[in-house]
């Protein structure tokens, strides 16, 4: 009877899914979940954004380069110097002194003022310069006044002479006469005004 009762209990427990009653437990293998597959994400190329001009905003207008038409005209026959601005308006005029001898300059020491079209290549503080005019007075302080406006005469001289310029003077009485070694002399107050108007590269025309 005991054996039958035990057998019945095992059957009941088995039916209820409860292990036991002398049966060997069979270990259940746990299945591990597979690792999720991560797809490689490719980085999209950067998006090029083109700015769009707002039609309501006034856009800057490109300006044409400024052409410099200002120049100096020196007329030897009336000992005058004229400055014309970029619009061709005469803005400055002054009397000047010229080379002791008339005519076109041909060589160094001929005491003539050259004729032609030249350009300014330097504007120099000449207030400390001296010069010996060969008149027995020796070195003269302030012979060139406060400024020396140098002219490039290489095309005419072919390098055989130079040193021509527009400058001040120690001798105001010489203005309006043939008195220099070839340069164009102005009163010191006039050369001060002129140097404010000129620049390197400006055209200088000297005519008879």
C-alpha atoms as a PDB file:
ATOM      1  CA  UNK A   1       0.000   0.000   0.000  1.00  0.00           C
ATOM      2  CA  UNK A   2       2.841   2.360   0.835  1.00  0.00           C
ATOM      3  CA  UNK A   3       4.407   1.758  -2.551  1.00  0.00           C
ATOM      4  CA  UNK A   4       1.170   2.424  -4.371  1.00  0.00           C
ATOM      5  CA  UNK A   5       0.626   5.599  -2.403  1.00  0.00           C
ATOM      6  CA  UNK A   6       4.112   6.882  -3.184  1.00  0.00           C
ATOM      7  CA  UNK A   7       3.709   6.039  -6.850  1.00  0.00           C
ATOM      8  CA  UNK A   8       0.458   7.929  -6.984  1.00  0.00           C
ATOM      9  CA  UNK A   9       2.049  10.964  -5.343  1.00  0.00           C
ATOM     10  CA  UNK A  10       4.858  10.969  -7.930  1.00  0.00           C
ATOM     11  CA  UNK A  11       2.363  10.803 -10.736  1.00  0.00           C
ATOM     12  CA  UNK A  12       0.487  13.730  -9.247  1.00  0.00           C
ATOM     13  CA  UNK A  13       3.652  15.803  -8.792  1.00  0.00           C
ATOM     14  CA  UNK A  14       4.791  14.986 -12.296  1.00  0.00           C
ATOM     15  CA  UNK A  15       1.479  16.087 -13.679  1.00  0.00           C
ATOM     16  CA  UNK A  16       1.835  19.357 -11.827  1.00  0.00           C
ATOM     17  CA  UNK A  17       5.321  19.850 -13.339  1.00  0.00           C
ATOM     18  CA  UNK A  18       7.175  19.511 -10.073  1.00  0.00           C
ATOM     19  CA  UNK A  19      10.432  17.580 -10.357  1.00  0.00           C
ATOM     20  CA  UNK A  20      11.236  14.874  -7.930  1.00  0.00           C
ATOM     21  CA  UNK A  21      10.165  11.355  -7.131  1.00  0.00           C
ATOM     22  CA  UNK A  22      13.538   9.850  -7.938  1.00  0.00           C
ATOM     23  CA  UNK A  23      13.835  11.279 -11.435  1.00  0.00           C
ATOM     24  CA  UNK A  24      17.206  12.768 -12.381  1.00  0.00           C
ATOM     25  CA  UNK A  25      17.141  16.490 -13.042  1.00  0.00           C
ATOM     26  CA  UNK A  26      18.193  17.346 -16.526  1.00  0.00           C
ATOM     27  CA  UNK A  27      19.892  20.773 -16.578  1.00  0.00           C
ATOM     28  CA  UNK A  28      18.279  23.113 -19.021  1.00  0.00           C
ATOM     29  CA  UNK A  29      20.731  24.943 -21.209  1.00  0.00           C
ATOM     30  CA  UNK A  30      20.026  28.644 -21.169  1.00  0.00           C
ATOM     31  CA  UNK A  31      20.262  30.262 -24.535  1.00  0.00           C
ATOM     32  CA  UNK A  32      22.116  33.570 -24.465  1.00  0.00           C
ATOM     33  CA  UNK A  33      20.563  36.266 -26.579  1.00  0.00           C
ATOM     34  CA  UNK A  34      22.604  37.131 -29.606  1.00  0.00           C
ATOM     35  CA  UNK A  35      24.354  40.471 -29.572  1.00  0.00           C
ATOM     36  CA  UNK A  36      22.465  42.967 -31.692  1.00  0.00           C
ATOM     37  CA  UNK A  37      24.042  43.622 -35.031  1.00  0.00           C
ATOM     38  CA  UNK A  38      25.087  47.256 -35.270  1.00  0.00           C
ATOM     39  CA  UNK A  39      25.337  48.463 -38.787  1.00  0.00           C
ATOM     40  CA  UNK A  40      28.183  50.864 -39.546  1.00  0.00           C
ATOM     41  CA  UNK A  41      26.795  54.319 -40.053  1.00  0.00           C
ATOM     42  CA  UNK A  42      28.553  56.245 -42.784  1.00  0.00           C
ATOM     43  CA  UNK A  43      28.932  59.941 -42.130  1.00  0.00           C
ATOM     44  CA  UNK A  44      27.183  61.982 -44.726  1.00  0.00           C
ATOM     45  CA  UNK A  45      29.353  64.585 -46.530  1.00  0.00           C
ATOM     46  CA  UNK A  46      28.987  68.161 -45.263  1.00  0.00           C
ATOM     47  CA  UNK A  47      26.270  70.118 -46.929  1.00  0.00           C
ATOM     48  CA  UNK A  48      27.486  73.168 -48.832  1.00  0.00           C
ATOM     49  CA  UNK A  49      25.283  76.120 -48.041  1.00  0.00           C
ATOM     50  CA  UNK A  50      25.332  78.939 -50.542  1.00  0.00           C
ATOM     51  CA  UNK A  51      24.370  82.251 -48.964  1.00  0.00           C
ATOM     52  CA  UNK A  52      21.487  83.933 -50.666  1.00  0.00           C
ATOM     53  CA  UNK A  53      21.619  87.715 -50.925  1.00  0.00           C
ATOM     54  CA  UNK A  54      18.654  89.415 -49.379  1.00  0.00           C
ATOM     55  CA  UNK A  55      17.148  91.564 -52.141  1.00  0.00           C
ATOM     56  CA  UNK A  56      15.911  93.966 -49.493  1.00  0.00           C
ATOM     57  CA  UNK A  57      19.478  94.814 -48.462  1.00  0.00           C
ATOM     58  CA  UNK A  58      21.375  97.220 -50.697  1.00  0.00           C
ATOM     59  CA  UNK A  59      24.515  95.496 -51.947  1.00  0.00           C
ATOM     60  CA  UNK A  60      27.830  97.428 -52.132  1.00  0.00           C
ATOM     61  CA  UNK A  61      28.798  98.516 -55.623  1.00  0.00           C
ATOM     62  CA  UNK A  62      32.405  97.857 -56.682  1.00  0.00           C
ATOM     63  CA  UNK A  63      34.185 101.128 -57.329  1.00  0.00           C
ATOM     64  CA  UNK A  64      36.386 101.647 -60.365  1.00  0.00           C
ATOM     65  CA  UNK A  65      40.046 102.356 -59.559  1.00  0.00           C
ATOM     66  CA  UNK A  66      40.818 106.034 -59.268  1.00  0.00           C
ATOM     67  CA  UNK A  67      42.953 107.321 -62.136  1.00  0.00           C
ATOM     68  CA  UNK A  68      45.284 110.152 -61.144  1.00  0.00           C
ATOM     69  CA  UNK A  69      45.236 112.877 -63.772  1.00  0.00           C
ATOM     70  CA  UNK A  70      46.794 115.628 -61.645  1.00  0.00           C
ATOM     71  CA  UNK A  71      49.992 117.193 -62.971  1.00  0.00           C
ATOM     72  CA  UNK A  72      52.354 120.161 -62.843  1.00  0.00           C
ATOM     73  CA  UNK A  73      52.983 122.440 -65.848  1.00  0.00           C
ATOM     74  CA  UNK A  74      56.071 124.677 -65.911  1.00  0.00           C
ATOM     75  CA  UNK A  75      56.229 127.294 -68.664  1.00  0.00           C
ATOM     76  CA  UNK A  76      59.764 128.584 -69.091  1.00  0.00           C
ATOM     77  CA  UNK A  77      58.837 131.606 -71.220  1.00  0.00           C
ATOM     78  CA  UNK A  78      56.906 133.251 -68.400  1.00  0.00           C
ATOM     79  CA  UNK A  79      58.672 131.676 -65.388  1.00  0.00           C
ATOM     80  CA  UNK A  80      55.467 130.096 -64.043  1.00  0.00           C
ATOM     81  CA  UNK A  81      54.498 126.839 -62.358  1.00  0.00           C
ATOM     82  CA  UNK A  82      50.900 125.576 -62.403  1.00  0.00           C
ATOM     83  CA  UNK A  83      49.318 122.655 -60.529  1.00  0.00           C
ATOM     84  CA  UNK A  84      46.197 121.020 -62.004  1.00  0.00           C
ATOM     85  CA  UNK A  85      44.078 118.634 -59.916  1.00  0.00           C
ATOM     86  CA  UNK A  86      42.564 115.312 -60.946  1.00  0.00           C
ATOM     87  CA  UNK A  87      39.677 117.078 -62.711  1.00  0.00           C
ATOM     88  CA  UNK A  88      41.953 119.388 -64.693  1.00  0.00           C
ATOM     89  CA  UNK A  89      41.268 122.434 -62.545  1.00  0.00           C
ATOM     90  CA  UNK A  90      44.161 124.791 -61.866  1.00  0.00           C
ATOM     91  CA  UNK A  91      44.543 124.884 -58.083  1.00  0.00           C
ATOM     92  CA  UNK A  92      47.937 126.474 -57.575  1.00  0.00           C
ATOM     93  CA  UNK A  93      50.190 128.842 -59.486  1.00  0.00           C
ATOM     94  CA  UNK A  94      53.546 130.393 -58.566  1.00  0.00           C
ATOM     95  CA  UNK A  95      56.430 132.268 -60.126  1.00  0.00           C
ATOM     96  CA  UNK A  96      59.721 130.398 -60.418  1.00  0.00           C
ATOM     97  CA  UNK A  97      63.392 130.822 -61.308  1.00  0.00           C
ATOM     98  CA  UNK A  98      65.016 128.693 -64.023  1.00  0.00           C
ATOM     99  CA  UNK A  99      68.448 127.746 -65.341  1.00  0.00           C
ATOM    100  CA  UNK A 100      70.830 130.593 -66.175  1.00  0.00           C
ATOM    101  CA  UNK A 101      71.003 129.591 -69.830  1.00  0.00           C
ATOM    102  CA  UNK A 102      67.982 129.204 -72.186  1.00  0.00           C
ATOM    103  CA  UNK A 103      67.236 126.144 -74.323  1.00  0.00           C
ATOM    104  CA  UNK A 104      67.042 122.394 -73.844  1.00  0.00           C
ATOM    105  CA  UNK A 105      69.416 120.775 -71.364  1.00  0.00           C
ATOM    106  CA  UNK A 106      71.989 118.586 -73.095  1.00  0.00           C
ATOM    107  CA  UNK A 107      74.721 117.864 -70.587  1.00  0.00           C
ATOM    108  CA  UNK A 108      75.764 118.267 -66.973  1.00  0.00           C
ATOM    109  CA  UNK A 109      76.852 121.790 -66.080  1.00  0.00           C
ATOM    110  CA  UNK A 110      75.235 123.587 -69.044  1.00  0.00           C
ATOM    111  CA  UNK A 111      73.013 125.575 -66.626  1.00  0.00           C
ATOM    112  CA  UNK A 112      69.837 124.768 -68.602  1.00  0.00           C
ATOM    113  CA  UNK A 113      66.428 123.631 -67.390  1.00  0.00           C
ATOM    114  CA  UNK A 114      65.317 120.470 -69.245  1.00  0.00           C
ATOM    115  CA  UNK A 115      62.131 120.401 -71.310  1.00  0.00           C
ATOM    116  CA  UNK A 116      59.856 117.374 -71.571  1.00  0.00           C
ATOM    117  CA  UNK A 117      57.547 115.192 -69.501  1.00  0.00           C
ATOM    118  CA  UNK A 118      58.978 113.783 -66.290  1.00  0.00           C
ATOM    119  CA  UNK A 119      57.687 112.175 -63.103  1.00  0.00           C
ATOM    120  CA  UNK A 120      58.347 112.964 -59.467  1.00  0.00           C
ATOM    121  CA  UNK A 121      60.486 110.226 -57.917  1.00  0.00           C
ATOM    122  CA  UNK A 122      61.140 111.721 -54.462  1.00  0.00           C
ATOM    123  CA  UNK A 123      59.950 114.473 -52.134  1.00  0.00           C
ATOM    124  CA  UNK A 124      62.784 115.218 -49.718  1.00  0.00           C
ATOM    125  CA  UNK A 125      63.262 117.393 -46.651  1.00  0.00           C
ATOM    126  CA  UNK A 126      66.116 119.617 -47.846  1.00  0.00           C
ATOM    127  CA  UNK A 127      66.021 122.136 -45.012  1.00  0.00           C
ATOM    128  CA  UNK A 128      69.479 121.073 -43.802  1.00  0.00           C
ATOM    129  CA  UNK A 129      71.164 120.953 -47.242  1.00  0.00           C
ATOM    130  CA  UNK A 130      73.930 123.372 -48.227  1.00  0.00           C
ATOM    131  CA  UNK A 131      75.393 124.262 -51.626  1.00  0.00           C
ATOM    132  CA  UNK A 132      78.423 126.076 -52.988  1.00  0.00           C
ATOM    133  CA  UNK A 133      77.384 128.103 -56.039  1.00  0.00           C
ATOM    134  CA  UNK A 134      80.985 128.815 -56.988  1.00  0.00           C
ATOM    135  CA  UNK A 135      80.619 132.536 -56.405  1.00  0.00           C
ATOM    136  CA  UNK A 136      83.240 132.708 -53.680  1.00  0.00           C
ATOM    137  CA  UNK A 137      80.686 132.686 -50.862  1.00  0.00           C
ATOM    138  CA  UNK A 138      81.281 129.048 -49.977  1.00  0.00           C
ATOM    139  CA  UNK A 139      78.625 126.654 -48.694  1.00  0.00           C
ATOM    140  CA  UNK A 140      75.238 128.366 -48.402  1.00  0.00           C
ATOM    141  CA  UNK A 141      72.828 127.077 -45.731  1.00  0.00           C
ATOM    142  CA  UNK A 142      69.216 126.690 -46.845  1.00  0.00           C
ATOM    143  CA  UNK A 143      70.171 126.877 -50.509  1.00  0.00           C
ATOM    144  CA  UNK A 144      67.349 124.486 -51.479  1.00  0.00           C
ATOM    145  CA  UNK A 145      64.722 125.736 -49.055  1.00  0.00           C
ATOM    146  CA  UNK A 146      62.525 123.329 -47.029  1.00  0.00           C
ATOM    147  CA  UNK A 147      61.761 120.750 -49.759  1.00  0.00           C
ATOM    148  CA  UNK A 148      63.354 119.267 -52.881  1.00  0.00           C
ATOM    149  CA  UNK A 149      60.865 117.641 -55.288  1.00  0.00           C
ATOM    150  CA  UNK A 150      63.086 115.410 -57.412  1.00  0.00           C
ATOM    151  CA  UNK A 151      62.332 114.703 -61.076  1.00  0.00           C
ATOM    152  CA  UNK A 152      63.293 111.523 -62.906  1.00  0.00           C
ATOM    153  CA  UNK A 153      65.000 112.725 -66.087  1.00  0.00           C
ATOM    154  CA  UNK A 154      66.645 109.402 -67.056  1.00  0.00           C
ATOM    155  CA  UNK A 155      64.767 109.022 -70.334  1.00  0.00           C
ATOM    156  CA  UNK A 156      66.046 112.391 -71.569  1.00  0.00           C
ATOM    157  CA  UNK A 157      69.527 112.278 -70.051  1.00  0.00           C
ATOM    158  CA  UNK A 158      70.222 108.574 -70.686  1.00  0.00           C
ATOM    159  CA  UNK A 159      72.001 108.649 -67.319  1.00  0.00           C
ATOM    160  CA  UNK A 160      74.483 111.333 -68.379  1.00  0.00           C
ATOM    161  CA  UNK A 161      73.135 113.955 -65.970  1.00  0.00           C
ATOM    162  CA  UNK A 162      70.546 114.290 -63.233  1.00  0.00           C
ATOM    163  CA  UNK A 163      69.745 116.094 -60.005  1.00  0.00           C
ATOM    164  CA  UNK A 164      66.989 118.278 -61.464  1.00  0.00           C
ATOM    165  CA  UNK A 165      64.148 119.209 -59.157  1.00  0.00           C
ATOM    166  CA  UNK A 166      61.693 121.786 -57.875  1.00  0.00           C
ATOM    167  CA  UNK A 167      62.856 123.388 -54.612  1.00  0.00           C
ATOM    168  CA  UNK A 168      62.925 126.479 -52.419  1.00  0.00           C
ATOM    169  CA  UNK A 169      65.673 129.078 -52.230  1.00  0.00           C
ATOM    170  CA  UNK A 170      67.869 131.186 -49.962  1.00  0.00           C
ATOM    171  CA  UNK A 171      67.526 134.045 -52.472  1.00  0.00           C
ATOM    172  CA  UNK A 172      63.888 135.207 -52.901  1.00  0.00           C
ATOM    173  CA  UNK A 173      64.984 137.991 -55.260  1.00  0.00           C
ATOM    174  CA  UNK A 174      66.014 135.394 -57.852  1.00  0.00           C
ATOM    175  CA  UNK A 175      62.433 134.246 -58.480  1.00  0.00           C
ATOM    176  CA  UNK A 176      61.231 135.208 -61.958  1.00  0.00           C
ATOM    177  CA  UNK A 177      64.766 135.225 -63.410  1.00  0.00           C
ATOM    178  CA  UNK A 178      67.344 132.902 -64.930  1.00  0.00           C
ATOM    179  CA  UNK A 179      69.398 132.177 -61.838  1.00  0.00           C
ATOM    180  CA  UNK A 180      69.685 128.451 -61.131  1.00  0.00           C
ATOM    181  CA  UNK A 181      71.988 125.695 -62.338  1.00  0.00           C
ATOM    182  CA  UNK A 182      69.028 124.021 -64.065  1.00  0.00           C
ATOM    183  CA  UNK A 183      66.501 123.390 -61.284  1.00  0.00           C
ATOM    184  CA  UNK A 184      63.166 125.132 -60.831  1.00  0.00           C
ATOM    185  CA  UNK A 185      63.229 127.437 -57.807  1.00  0.00           C
ATOM    186  CA  UNK A 186      60.181 128.612 -55.837  1.00  0.00           C
ATOM    187  CA  UNK A 187      59.748 130.867 -52.849  1.00  0.00           C
ATOM    188  CA  UNK A 188      59.955 128.779 -49.694  1.00  0.00           C
ATOM    189  CA  UNK A 189      56.326 129.430 -48.784  1.00  0.00           C
ATOM    190  CA  UNK A 190      55.277 128.283 -52.272  1.00  0.00           C
ATOM    191  CA  UNK A 191      57.263 125.044 -52.195  1.00  0.00           C
ATOM    192  CA  UNK A 192      55.695 124.279 -48.800  1.00  0.00           C
ATOM    193  CA  UNK A 193      52.238 124.575 -50.357  1.00  0.00           C
ATOM    194  CA  UNK A 194      53.233 122.575 -53.427  1.00  0.00           C
ATOM    195  CA  UNK A 195      54.655 119.626 -51.496  1.00  0.00           C
ATOM    196  CA  UNK A 196      51.214 119.127 -49.912  1.00  0.00           C
ATOM    197  CA  UNK A 197      49.709 118.661 -53.378  1.00  0.00           C
ATOM    198  CA  UNK A 198      52.264 116.415 -55.078  1.00  0.00           C
ATOM    199  CA  UNK A 199      53.147 112.750 -54.760  1.00  0.00           C
ATOM    200  CA  UNK A 200      55.681 110.308 -56.152  1.00  0.00           C
ATOM    201  CA  UNK A 201      54.668 109.330 -59.675  1.00  0.00           C
ATOM    202  CA  UNK A 202      52.985 112.644 -60.505  1.00  0.00           C
ATOM    203  CA  UNK A 203      53.638 113.959 -64.014  1.00  0.00           C
ATOM    204  CA  UNK A 204      55.597 117.200 -64.481  1.00  0.00           C
ATOM    205  CA  UNK A 205      55.568 118.877 -67.906  1.00  0.00           C
ATOM    206  CA  UNK A 206      58.200 121.522 -68.680  1.00  0.00           C
ATOM    207  CA  UNK A 207      57.704 123.526 -71.873  1.00  0.00           C
ATOM    208  CA  UNK A 208      59.330 126.581 -73.430  1.00  0.00           C
END
